[in-house]
Amino acid sequence: MLADDPLVNKYFGHYLPSQEELDLTAQLLSAKPELEEHAKDCIVIHGDAVATLRRFCWQAKQLGLSGKLCAEEALNLLQQCSERRLLLGLDTILRSRSVPDEFWTSFIDTVPQTYHGLGLRGQPIVLIRAGSIDPAAMGKLLNSGDALSVGDVNAAVLCFLRCEECLFRQTVPKASEQVGRLVDRVILIIDLWGLGRGHFRFARDFLAAAVKQTVVLYPETLDHILVVNAAWSFATLLWPILKQLLHPVSQRKVVIADASHTRERLLEHMSAECLPSYFGGENEGVHMGCMLAPNTAD
């Protein structure tokens, strides 16, 4: 949870909203019953409304706002999140994929996005093996996704968001029950082994586009980004694209490790039993797209 994040408390405590700002936001939200109901049903994570308001207030504080202005902007950001969810059909996306079966299967086959258990503080661990993606297959997926876009979002990114919904609506509640507190902040591992110039569309049209959507839809749910097996390709291809989308606070969450330090840096954030087998551990992981509860699968 944001309020318990060691990095936040050490370096960015001034962005944490006061109780008065949280109360003002809740008061403003109560005057908009439709938005309040939608937030309660579809935006609040694991029933913790205060933690959700804190995340949106945090965004407002990063804009330099405080007091009533902070509360008003937090409500505005919450409204934007609600509208974007409705536009993209996220409220029902776990029950209905919004894309043809063959496209969903192609997404799972093309994008290695796997779940590996919980970090040392209970954070869900997600691995994207960016360098293992076949650029030709990714290009084909994105081209097909253009024709299936919803609003301004490519269908491949929409599939990614479906995985995010599964993470925050199904995995996080289970993890929170297991840990005994809300664990709504995620460790994202991005493996760059094999990344080259052919992955430019993956970086620009998929990963950067997905980050842009998550900033609106799931603000402040990122604990750390662990960029591993980093080389020139990251510095010249991927990081310049992603960095411009991230607030300085989020940039501080990025941990970069070259191949010789990958295992060491990962074990600073997770136990050996959660270390992906790809990095010499024993955790095989499961594709995020295959984690849907049986009653939500198509």
C-alpha atoms as a PDB file:
ATOM      1  CA  MET A   1       0.000   0.000   0.000  1.00  0.00           C
ATOM      2  CA  LEU A   2       1.199   3.505  -0.813  1.00  0.00           C
ATOM      3  CA  ALA A   3       1.286   4.702   2.797  1.00  0.00           C
ATOM      4  CA  ASP A   4       3.525   1.749   3.805  1.00  0.00           C
ATOM      5  CA  ASP A   5       5.956   1.993   0.878  1.00  0.00           C
ATOM      6  CA  PRO A   6       9.534   2.411   2.251  1.00  0.00           C
ATOM      7  CA  LEU A   7      10.657   4.315  -0.860  1.00  0.00           C
ATOM      8  CA  VAL A   8       7.729   6.716  -0.562  1.00  0.00           C
ATOM      9  CA  ASN A   9       8.265   7.332   3.134  1.00  0.00           C
ATOM     10  CA  LYS A  10      12.017   7.827   2.719  1.00  0.00           C
ATOM     11  CA  TYR A  11      12.032  10.168  -0.264  1.00  0.00           C
ATOM     12  CA  PHE A  12       8.525  11.326  -1.154  1.00  0.00           C
ATOM     13  CA  GLY A  13       6.503  11.570   2.040  1.00  0.00           C
ATOM     14  CA  HIS A  14       5.562  15.138   1.089  1.00  0.00           C
ATOM     15  CA  TYR A  15       3.357  13.698  -1.671  1.00  0.00           C
ATOM     16  CA  LEU A  16       1.289  11.644   0.748  1.00  0.00           C
ATOM     17  CA  PRO A  17      -2.079  13.392   1.258  1.00  0.00           C
ATOM     18  CA  SER A  18      -3.144  14.499   4.701  1.00  0.00           C
ATOM     19  CA  GLN A  19      -6.206  13.070   6.417  1.00  0.00           C
ATOM     20  CA  GLU A  20      -7.935  16.390   5.773  1.00  0.00           C
ATOM     21  CA  GLU A  21      -7.270  16.097   2.025  1.00  0.00           C
ATOM     22  CA  LEU A  22      -8.563  12.524   2.011  1.00  0.00           C
ATOM     23  CA  ASP A  23     -11.685  13.591   3.899  1.00  0.00           C
ATOM     24  CA  LEU A  24     -12.279  16.487   1.479  1.00  0.00           C
ATOM     25  CA  THR A  25     -11.972  14.129  -1.480  1.00  0.00           C
ATOM     26  CA  ALA A  26     -14.412  11.669   0.075  1.00  0.00           C
ATOM     27  CA  GLN A  27     -16.828  14.526   0.737  1.00  0.00           C
ATOM     28  CA  LEU A  28     -16.642  15.747  -2.860  1.00  0.00           C
ATOM     29  CA  LEU A  29     -17.073  12.200  -4.125  1.00  0.00           C
ATOM     30  CA  SER A  30     -20.215  11.710  -2.016  1.00  0.00           C
ATOM     31  CA  ALA A  31     -21.806  14.579  -3.952  1.00  0.00           C
ATOM     32  CA  LYS A  32     -21.434  12.509  -7.143  1.00  0.00           C
ATOM     33  CA  PRO A  33     -23.337   9.299  -6.352  1.00  0.00           C
ATOM     34  CA  GLU A  34     -22.875   7.785  -9.828  1.00  0.00           C
ATOM     35  CA  LEU A  35     -19.115   8.187  -9.719  1.00  0.00           C
ATOM     36  CA  GLU A  36     -19.025   7.054  -6.091  1.00  0.00           C
ATOM     37  CA  GLU A  37     -20.910   3.880  -6.955  1.00  0.00           C
ATOM     38  CA  HIS A  38     -18.706   3.162  -9.970  1.00  0.00           C
ATOM     39  CA  ALA A  39     -15.588   3.729  -7.897  1.00  0.00           C
ATOM     40  CA  LYS A  40     -16.837   1.409  -5.171  1.00  0.00           C
ATOM     41  CA  ASP A  41     -17.762  -1.355  -7.612  1.00  0.00           C
ATOM     42  CA  CYS A  42     -14.963  -1.161 -10.182  1.00  0.00           C
ATOM     43  CA  ILE A  43     -12.085   1.146  -9.208  1.00  0.00           C
ATOM     44  CA  VAL A  44     -11.490   0.527  -5.498  1.00  0.00           C
ATOM     45  CA  ILE A  45      -9.063  -2.372  -5.040  1.00  0.00           C
ATOM     46  CA  HIS A  46      -9.985  -5.096  -2.541  1.00  0.00           C
ATOM     47  CA  GLY A  47     -12.610  -2.895  -0.884  1.00  0.00           C
ATOM     48  CA  ASP A  48     -10.098  -0.369   0.491  1.00  0.00           C
ATOM     49  CA  ALA A  49     -11.672   2.962  -0.511  1.00  0.00           C
ATOM     50  CA  VAL A  50      -9.239   5.046   1.548  1.00  0.00           C
ATOM     51  CA  ALA A  51      -6.212   3.471  -0.178  1.00  0.00           C
ATOM     52  CA  THR A  52      -7.801   4.239  -3.550  1.00  0.00           C
ATOM     53  CA  LEU A  53      -8.498   7.878  -2.700  1.00  0.00           C
ATOM     54  CA  ARG A  54      -4.943   8.176  -1.390  1.00  0.00           C
ATOM     55  CA  ARG A  55      -3.574   7.045  -4.760  1.00  0.00           C
ATOM     56  CA  PHE A  56      -5.589   9.658  -6.674  1.00  0.00           C
ATOM     57  CA  CYS A  57      -4.738  12.383  -4.146  1.00  0.00           C
ATOM     58  CA  TRP A  58      -1.085  11.394  -4.526  1.00  0.00           C
ATOM     59  CA  GLN A  59      -1.345  12.145  -8.242  1.00  0.00           C
ATOM     60  CA  ALA A  60      -2.793  15.564  -7.454  1.00  0.00           C
ATOM     61  CA  LYS A  61      -0.040  16.257  -4.915  1.00  0.00           C
ATOM     62  CA  GLN A  62       2.559  15.499  -7.594  1.00  0.00           C
ATOM     63  CA  LEU A  63       1.049  18.386  -9.572  1.00  0.00           C
ATOM     64  CA  GLY A  64       1.846  20.689  -6.668  1.00  0.00           C
ATOM     65  CA  LEU A  65      -1.718  20.928  -5.366  1.00  0.00           C
ATOM     66  CA  SER A  66      -2.819  20.803  -1.754  1.00  0.00           C
ATOM     67  CA  GLY A  67      -5.904  21.207   0.395  1.00  0.00           C
ATOM     68  CA  LYS A  68      -9.155  21.701  -1.499  1.00  0.00           C
ATOM     69  CA  LEU A  69      -7.338  21.975  -4.846  1.00  0.00           C
ATOM     70  CA  CYS A  70      -5.783  18.578  -4.226  1.00  0.00           C
ATOM     71  CA  ALA A  71      -9.185  17.063  -3.433  1.00  0.00           C
ATOM     72  CA  GLU A  72     -10.786  18.617  -6.522  1.00  0.00           C
ATOM     73  CA  GLU A  73      -8.028  17.369  -8.816  1.00  0.00           C
ATOM     74  CA  ALA A  74      -8.139  13.897  -7.237  1.00  0.00           C
ATOM     75  CA  LEU A  75     -11.853  13.785  -8.001  1.00  0.00           C
ATOM     76  CA  ASN A  76     -11.155  14.939 -11.566  1.00  0.00           C
ATOM     77  CA  LEU A  77      -8.580  12.163 -12.005  1.00  0.00           C
ATOM     78  CA  LEU A  78     -11.013   9.634 -10.566  1.00  0.00           C
ATOM     79  CA  GLN A  79     -13.628  10.828 -13.060  1.00  0.00           C
ATOM     80  CA  GLN A  80     -11.139  10.395 -15.917  1.00  0.00           C
ATOM     81  CA  CYS A  81     -10.379   6.878 -14.724  1.00  0.00           C
ATOM     82  CA  SER A  82     -14.096   6.063 -14.584  1.00  0.00           C
ATOM     83  CA  GLU A  83     -14.725   7.422 -18.077  1.00  0.00           C
ATOM     84  CA  ARG A  84     -11.757   5.540 -19.522  1.00  0.00           C
ATOM     85  CA  ARG A  85     -12.922   2.294 -17.909  1.00  0.00           C
ATOM     86  CA  LEU A  86     -16.363   2.725 -19.435  1.00  0.00           C
ATOM     87  CA  LEU A  87     -14.913   3.559 -22.858  1.00  0.00           C
ATOM     88  CA  LEU A  88     -12.669   0.485 -22.852  1.00  0.00           C
ATOM     89  CA  GLY A  89     -15.266  -1.828 -21.331  1.00  0.00           C
ATOM     90  CA  LEU A  90     -12.982  -2.793 -18.452  1.00  0.00           C
ATOM     91  CA  ASP A  91     -15.867  -3.378 -16.044  1.00  0.00           C
ATOM     92  CA  THR A  92     -16.853  -6.495 -17.986  1.00  0.00           C
ATOM     93  CA  ILE A  93     -13.569  -7.380 -19.701  1.00  0.00           C
ATOM     94  CA  LEU A  94     -12.911 -10.359 -17.425  1.00  0.00           C
ATOM     95  CA  ARG A  95     -16.182 -11.909 -18.528  1.00  0.00           C
ATOM     96  CA  SER A  96     -15.866 -10.925 -22.184  1.00  0.00           C
ATOM     97  CA  ARG A  97     -12.551 -10.466 -23.956  1.00  0.00           C
ATOM     98  CA  SER A  98     -13.815  -7.833 -26.437  1.00  0.00           C
ATOM     99  CA  VAL A  99     -11.527  -9.425 -29.058  1.00  0.00           C
ATOM    100  CA  PRO A 100     -11.871 -12.587 -31.177  1.00  0.00           C
ATOM    101  CA  ASP A 101     -10.624 -15.844 -29.654  1.00  0.00           C
ATOM    102  CA  GLU A 102      -7.794 -16.144 -32.165  1.00  0.00           C
ATOM    103  CA  PHE A 103      -6.508 -12.655 -31.328  1.00  0.00           C
ATOM    104  CA  TRP A 104      -6.496 -13.401 -27.592  1.00  0.00           C
ATOM    105  CA  THR A 105      -4.602 -16.642 -28.243  1.00  0.00           C
ATOM    106  CA  SER A 106      -2.149 -14.782 -30.465  1.00  0.00           C
ATOM    107  CA  PHE A 107      -1.571 -12.230 -27.691  1.00  0.00           C
ATOM    108  CA  ILE A 108      -0.772 -14.971 -25.153  1.00  0.00           C
ATOM    109  CA  ASP A 109       1.542 -16.694 -27.648  1.00  0.00           C
ATOM    110  CA  THR A 110       3.320 -13.451 -28.585  1.00  0.00           C
ATOM    111  CA  VAL A 111       3.692 -11.524 -25.305  1.00  0.00           C
ATOM    112  CA  PRO A 112       5.494 -13.472 -22.526  1.00  0.00           C
ATOM    113  CA  GLN A 113       3.837 -11.756 -19.541  1.00  0.00           C
ATOM    114  CA  THR A 114       3.989 -14.095 -16.525  1.00  0.00           C
ATOM    115  CA  TYR A 115       3.112 -14.056 -12.819  1.00  0.00           C
ATOM    116  CA  HIS A 116       5.629 -15.375 -10.260  1.00  0.00           C
ATOM    117  CA  GLY A 117       4.116 -15.025  -6.798  1.00  0.00           C
ATOM    118  CA  LEU A 118       4.780 -12.365  -4.156  1.00  0.00           C
ATOM    119  CA  GLY A 119       7.787 -10.199  -3.346  1.00  0.00           C
ATOM    120  CA  LEU A 120       9.348  -9.768   0.073  1.00  0.00           C
ATOM    121  CA  ARG A 121       6.678  -7.238   1.114  1.00  0.00           C
ATOM    122  CA  GLY A 122       3.819  -9.151  -0.498  1.00  0.00           C
ATOM    123  CA  GLN A 123       3.910  -7.405  -3.876  1.00  0.00           C
ATOM    124  CA  PRO A 124       2.687  -9.433  -6.868  1.00  0.00           C
ATOM    125  CA  ILE A 125       5.572 -10.131  -9.277  1.00  0.00           C
ATOM    126  CA  VAL A 126       5.030  -9.834 -13.040  1.00  0.00           C
ATOM    127  CA  LEU A 127       7.700 -10.601 -15.639  1.00  0.00           C
ATOM    128  CA  ILE A 128       7.702  -9.400 -19.260  1.00  0.00           C
ATOM    129  CA  ARG A 129      10.493 -10.985 -21.306  1.00  0.00           C
ATOM    130  CA  ALA A 130      10.706  -8.177 -23.838  1.00  0.00           C
ATOM    131  CA  GLY A 131      13.759  -9.471 -25.657  1.00  0.00           C
ATOM    132  CA  SER A 132      12.124 -12.874 -26.192  1.00  0.00           C
ATOM    133  CA  ILE A 133       9.327 -11.365 -28.257  1.00  0.00           C
ATOM    134  CA  ASP A 134       9.414 -12.152 -31.976  1.00  0.00           C
ATOM    135  CA  PRO A 135       9.327  -8.707 -33.654  1.00  0.00           C
ATOM    136  CA  ALA A 136       7.523 -10.081 -36.703  1.00  0.00           C
ATOM    137  CA  ALA A 137       4.832 -11.724 -34.570  1.00  0.00           C
ATOM    138  CA  MET A 138       4.505  -8.532 -32.507  1.00  0.00           C
ATOM    139  CA  GLY A 139       4.131  -6.465 -35.665  1.00  0.00           C
ATOM    140  CA  LYS A 140       1.427  -8.806 -36.933  1.00  0.00           C
ATOM    141  CA  LEU A 141      -0.381  -8.650 -33.577  1.00  0.00           C
ATOM    142  CA  LEU A 142      -0.290  -4.849 -33.527  1.00  0.00           C
ATOM    143  CA  ASN A 143      -1.428  -4.600 -37.140  1.00  0.00           C
ATOM    144  CA  SER A 144      -4.388  -6.869 -36.426  1.00  0.00           C
ATOM    145  CA  GLY A 145      -4.990  -4.941 -33.210  1.00  0.00           C
ATOM    146  CA  ASP A 146      -5.318  -1.668 -35.096  1.00  0.00           C
ATOM    147  CA  ALA A 147      -8.451  -2.968 -36.801  1.00  0.00           C
ATOM    148  CA  LEU A 148      -9.868  -4.108 -33.446  1.00  0.00           C
ATOM    149  CA  SER A 149      -9.001  -0.946 -31.505  1.00  0.00           C
ATOM    150  CA  VAL A 150     -11.378   0.373 -28.868  1.00  0.00           C
ATOM    151  CA  GLY A 151     -11.250   4.153 -28.792  1.00  0.00           C
ATOM    152  CA  ASP A 152      -7.584   5.028 -29.178  1.00  0.00           C
ATOM    153  CA  VAL A 153      -6.336   1.749 -27.684  1.00  0.00           C
ATOM    154  CA  ASN A 154      -4.899  -1.034 -29.839  1.00  0.00           C
ATOM    155  CA  ALA A 155      -6.498  -4.403 -29.088  1.00  0.00           C
ATOM    156  CA  ALA A 156      -3.090  -5.807 -28.064  1.00  0.00           C
ATOM    157  CA  VAL A 157      -2.895  -3.157 -25.334  1.00  0.00           C
ATOM    158  CA  LEU A 158      -6.498  -3.962 -24.407  1.00  0.00           C
ATOM    159  CA  CYS A 159      -5.437  -7.588 -23.880  1.00  0.00           C
ATOM    160  CA  PHE A 160      -2.684  -6.338 -21.595  1.00  0.00           C
ATOM    161  CA  LEU A 161      -5.269  -4.341 -19.643  1.00  0.00           C
ATOM    162  CA  ARG A 162      -7.395  -7.460 -19.308  1.00  0.00           C
ATOM    163  CA  CYS A 163      -4.421  -9.089 -17.620  1.00  0.00           C
ATOM    164  CA  GLU A 164      -4.118  -6.036 -15.358  1.00  0.00           C
ATOM    165  CA  GLU A 165      -7.779  -6.358 -14.413  1.00  0.00           C
ATOM    166  CA  CYS A 166      -7.199 -10.014 -13.562  1.00  0.00           C
ATOM    167  CA  LEU A 167      -4.229  -8.968 -11.429  1.00  0.00           C
ATOM    168  CA  PHE A 168      -6.062  -6.295  -9.427  1.00  0.00           C
ATOM    169  CA  ARG A 169      -9.512  -7.931  -9.242  1.00  0.00           C
ATOM    170  CA  GLN A 170      -8.467 -11.528  -8.590  1.00  0.00           C
ATOM    171  CA  THR A 171      -4.781 -11.905  -7.720  1.00  0.00           C
ATOM    172  CA  VAL A 172      -4.387  -8.870  -5.428  1.00  0.00           C
ATOM    173  CA  PRO A 173      -7.406  -9.762  -3.245  1.00  0.00           C
ATOM    174  CA  LYS A 174      -6.065 -13.301  -2.778  1.00  0.00           C
ATOM    175  CA  ALA A 175      -2.578 -11.992  -2.033  1.00  0.00           C
ATOM    176  CA  SER A 176      -3.977  -9.436   0.416  1.00  0.00           C
ATOM    177  CA  GLU A 177      -5.854 -12.170   2.256  1.00  0.00           C
ATOM    178  CA  GLN A 178      -2.663 -14.217   2.383  1.00  0.00           C
ATOM    179  CA  VAL A 179      -0.491 -11.349   3.655  1.00  0.00           C
ATOM    180  CA  GLY A 180      -3.149  -9.888   5.953  1.00  0.00           C
ATOM    181  CA  ARG A 181      -3.127  -6.378   4.479  1.00  0.00           C
ATOM    182  CA  LEU A 182      -3.698  -4.684   1.148  1.00  0.00           C
ATOM    183  CA  VAL A 183      -0.878  -5.396  -1.333  1.00  0.00           C
ATOM    184  CA  ASP A 184      -1.866  -3.312  -4.339  1.00  0.00           C
ATOM    185  CA  ARG A 185       1.640  -2.392  -5.517  1.00  0.00           C
ATOM    186  CA  VAL A 186       3.323  -4.540  -8.136  1.00  0.00           C
ATOM    187  CA  ILE A 187       6.910  -5.505  -8.946  1.00  0.00           C
ATOM    188  CA  LEU A 188       7.335  -5.452 -12.726  1.00  0.00           C
ATOM    189  CA  ILE A 189      10.392  -7.193 -14.158  1.00  0.00           C
ATOM    190  CA  ILE A 190      11.301  -6.291 -17.733  1.00  0.00           C
ATOM    191  CA  ASP A 191      13.906  -8.621 -19.189  1.00  0.00           C
ATOM    192  CA  LEU A 192      15.859  -7.120 -22.082  1.00  0.00           C
ATOM    193  CA  TRP A 193      17.939 -10.124 -23.089  1.00  0.00           C
ATOM    194  CA  GLY A 194      17.795 -10.245 -26.888  1.00  0.00           C
ATOM    195  CA  LEU A 195      16.199  -6.808 -27.308  1.00  0.00           C
ATOM    196  CA  GLY A 196      17.221  -5.069 -30.510  1.00  0.00           C
ATOM    197  CA  ARG A 197      16.157  -2.450 -33.022  1.00  0.00           C
ATOM    198  CA  GLY A 198      13.505  -4.812 -34.338  1.00  0.00           C
ATOM    199  CA  HIS A 199      11.621  -4.386 -31.062  1.00  0.00           C
ATOM    200  CA  PHE A 200      10.933  -0.696 -31.624  1.00  0.00           C
ATOM    201  CA  ARG A 201       7.197  -1.198 -32.246  1.00  0.00           C
ATOM    202  CA  PHE A 202       6.922  -3.338 -29.136  1.00  0.00           C
ATOM    203  CA  ALA A 203       8.524  -0.527 -27.118  1.00  0.00           C
ATOM    204  CA  ARG A 204       6.588   2.350 -28.674  1.00  0.00           C
ATOM    205  CA  ASP A 205       3.215   0.951 -29.725  1.00  0.00           C
ATOM    206  CA  PHE A 206       2.716  -1.673 -27.037  1.00  0.00           C
ATOM    207  CA  LEU A 207       4.713  -1.171 -23.834  1.00  0.00           C
ATOM    208  CA  ALA A 208       4.745   2.637 -23.820  1.00  0.00           C
ATOM    209  CA  ALA A 209       1.063   2.696 -24.810  1.00  0.00           C
ATOM    210  CA  ALA A 210       0.230   0.260 -22.012  1.00  0.00           C
ATOM    211  CA  VAL A 211       2.118   2.390 -19.471  1.00  0.00           C
ATOM    212  CA  LYS A 212       0.181   5.455 -20.615  1.00  0.00           C
ATOM    213  CA  GLN A 213      -3.134   3.686 -19.955  1.00  0.00           C
ATOM    214  CA  THR A 214      -2.128   2.292 -16.566  1.00  0.00           C
ATOM    215  CA  VAL A 215      -1.173   5.763 -15.316  1.00  0.00           C
ATOM    216  CA  VAL A 216      -4.836   6.762 -15.757  1.00  0.00           C
ATOM    217  CA  LEU A 217      -6.464   3.457 -14.816  1.00  0.00           C
ATOM    218  CA  TYR A 218      -4.265   2.121 -12.002  1.00  0.00           C
ATOM    219  CA  PRO A 219      -2.339   5.103 -10.583  1.00  0.00           C
ATOM    220  CA  GLU A 220       0.409   4.423  -8.059  1.00  0.00           C
ATOM    221  CA  THR A 221       0.145   0.648  -8.151  1.00  0.00           C
ATOM    222  CA  LEU A 222       3.782   0.212  -9.182  1.00  0.00           C
ATOM    223  CA  ASP A 223       6.253  -0.736  -6.471  1.00  0.00           C
ATOM    224  CA  HIS A 224       9.383  -1.188  -8.607  1.00  0.00           C
ATOM    225  CA  ILE A 225      10.368  -1.740 -12.221  1.00  0.00           C
ATOM    226  CA  LEU A 226      13.327  -4.123 -12.319  1.00  0.00           C
ATOM    227  CA  VAL A 227      14.994  -3.791 -15.710  1.00  0.00           C
ATOM    228  CA  VAL A 228      17.327  -6.758 -16.042  1.00  0.00           C
ATOM    229  CA  ASN A 229      19.883  -7.917 -18.594  1.00  0.00           C
ATOM    230  CA  ALA A 230      20.120  -4.262 -19.548  1.00  0.00           C
ATOM    231  CA  ALA A 231      22.558  -3.215 -22.263  1.00  0.00           C
ATOM    232  CA  TRP A 232      22.873  -0.514 -24.907  1.00  0.00           C
ATOM    233  CA  SER A 233      19.471  -1.474 -26.273  1.00  0.00           C
ATOM    234  CA  PHE A 234      17.754  -0.257 -23.112  1.00  0.00           C
ATOM    235  CA  ALA A 235      19.620   3.029 -22.931  1.00  0.00           C
ATOM    236  CA  THR A 236      19.080   3.851 -26.597  1.00  0.00           C
ATOM    237  CA  LEU A 237      15.763   2.194 -27.449  1.00  0.00           C
ATOM    238  CA  LEU A 238      13.418   1.536 -24.549  1.00  0.00           C
ATOM    239  CA  TRP A 239      14.280   3.830 -21.643  1.00  0.00           C
ATOM    240  CA  PRO A 240      14.015   7.154 -23.567  1.00  0.00           C
ATOM    241  CA  ILE A 241      10.476   6.178 -24.619  1.00  0.00           C
ATOM    242  CA  LEU A 242       9.347   5.051 -21.175  1.00  0.00           C
ATOM    243  CA  LYS A 243      11.106   7.763 -19.176  1.00  0.00           C
ATOM    244  CA  GLN A 244       9.098  10.582 -20.751  1.00  0.00           C
ATOM    245  CA  LEU A 245       5.886   8.892 -19.560  1.00  0.00           C
ATOM    246  CA  LEU A 246       6.999   8.622 -15.944  1.00  0.00           C
ATOM    247  CA  HIS A 247       6.922  11.159 -13.139  1.00  0.00           C
ATOM    248  CA  PRO A 248      10.319  11.654 -11.389  1.00  0.00           C
ATOM    249  CA  VAL A 249       8.931   9.632  -8.480  1.00  0.00           C
ATOM    250  CA  SER A 250       8.208   6.722 -10.806  1.00  0.00           C
ATOM    251  CA  GLN A 251      11.623   7.093 -12.415  1.00  0.00           C
ATOM    252  CA  ARG A 252      13.131   6.567  -8.952  1.00  0.00           C
ATOM    253  CA  LYS A 253      11.403   3.169  -8.796  1.00  0.00           C
ATOM    254  CA  VAL A 254      13.369   1.896 -11.792  1.00  0.00           C
ATOM    255  CA  VAL A 255      16.192  -0.498 -10.898  1.00  0.00           C
ATOM    256  CA  ILE A 256      18.559  -1.329 -13.761  1.00  0.00           C
ATOM    257  CA  ALA A 257      20.798  -4.402 -13.681  1.00  0.00           C
ATOM    258  CA  ASP A 258      23.108  -5.816 -16.315  1.00  0.00           C
ATOM    259  CA  ALA A 259      23.386  -9.567 -16.899  1.00  0.00           C
ATOM    260  CA  SER A 260      26.103 -10.070 -14.284  1.00  0.00           C
ATOM    261  CA  HIS A 261      23.950  -8.574 -11.502  1.00  0.00           C
ATOM    262  CA  THR A 262      20.459  -9.689 -12.560  1.00  0.00           C
ATOM    263  CA  ARG A 263      19.990 -12.543 -10.073  1.00  0.00           C
ATOM    264  CA  GLU A 264      21.499 -10.515  -7.230  1.00  0.00           C
ATOM    265  CA  ARG A 265      19.224  -7.514  -7.803  1.00  0.00           C
ATOM    266  CA  LEU A 266      16.108  -9.677  -8.169  1.00  0.00           C
ATOM    267  CA  LEU A 267      16.782 -11.406  -4.849  1.00  0.00           C
ATOM    268  CA  GLU A 268      16.771  -7.998  -3.154  1.00  0.00           C
ATOM    269  CA  HIS A 269      13.035  -7.888  -3.883  1.00  0.00           C
ATOM    270  CA  MET A 270      11.885 -11.530  -3.815  1.00  0.00           C
ATOM    271  CA  SER A 271      12.685 -14.852  -2.215  1.00  0.00           C
ATOM    272  CA  ALA A 272      14.500 -17.613  -4.076  1.00  0.00           C
ATOM    273  CA  GLU A 273      11.244 -19.592  -4.405  1.00  0.00           C
ATOM    274  CA  CYS A 274       9.742 -16.774  -6.484  1.00  0.00           C
ATOM    275  CA  LEU A 275      12.809 -16.266  -8.670  1.00  0.00           C
ATOM    276  CA  PRO A 276      11.755 -17.026 -12.263  1.00  0.00           C
ATOM    277  CA  SER A 277      13.334 -20.147 -13.734  1.00  0.00           C
ATOM    278  CA  TYR A 278      14.432 -17.984 -16.654  1.00  0.00           C
ATOM    279  CA  PHE A 279      16.967 -16.415 -14.252  1.00  0.00           C
ATOM    280  CA  GLY A 280      18.085 -19.657 -12.656  1.00  0.00           C
ATOM    281  CA  GLY A 281      15.281 -19.995 -10.100  1.00  0.00           C
ATOM    282  CA  GLU A 282      12.595 -22.641  -9.780  1.00  0.00           C
ATOM    283  CA  ASN A 283       9.453 -20.558 -10.362  1.00  0.00           C
ATOM    284  CA  GLU A 284       8.057 -21.369 -13.812  1.00  0.00           C
ATOM    285  CA  GLY A 285       5.376 -18.696 -13.599  1.00  0.00           C
ATOM    286  CA  VAL A 286       2.034 -18.653 -15.376  1.00  0.00           C
ATOM    287  CA  HIS A 287       0.956 -16.385 -18.202  1.00  0.00           C
ATOM    288  CA  MET A 288      -1.241 -13.584 -16.871  1.00  0.00           C
ATOM    289  CA  GLY A 289      -3.787 -14.330 -19.571  1.00  0.00           C
ATOM    290  CA  CYS A 290      -4.224 -17.864 -18.238  1.00  0.00           C
ATOM    291  CA  MET A 291      -4.953 -16.829 -14.647  1.00  0.00           C
ATOM    292  CA  LEU A 292      -8.607 -15.910 -15.011  1.00  0.00           C
ATOM    293  CA  ALA A 293     -10.873 -17.591 -12.491  1.00  0.00           C
ATOM    294  CA  PRO A 294     -13.056 -20.295 -14.117  1.00  0.00           C
ATOM    295  CA  ASN A 295     -16.246 -18.305 -13.669  1.00  0.00           C
ATOM    296  CA  THR A 296     -14.806 -15.364 -15.626  1.00  0.00           C
ATOM    297  CA  ALA A 297     -13.339 -17.286 -18.534  1.00  0.00           C
ATOM    298  CA  ASP A 298     -15.146 -17.195 -21.865  1.00  0.00           C
END
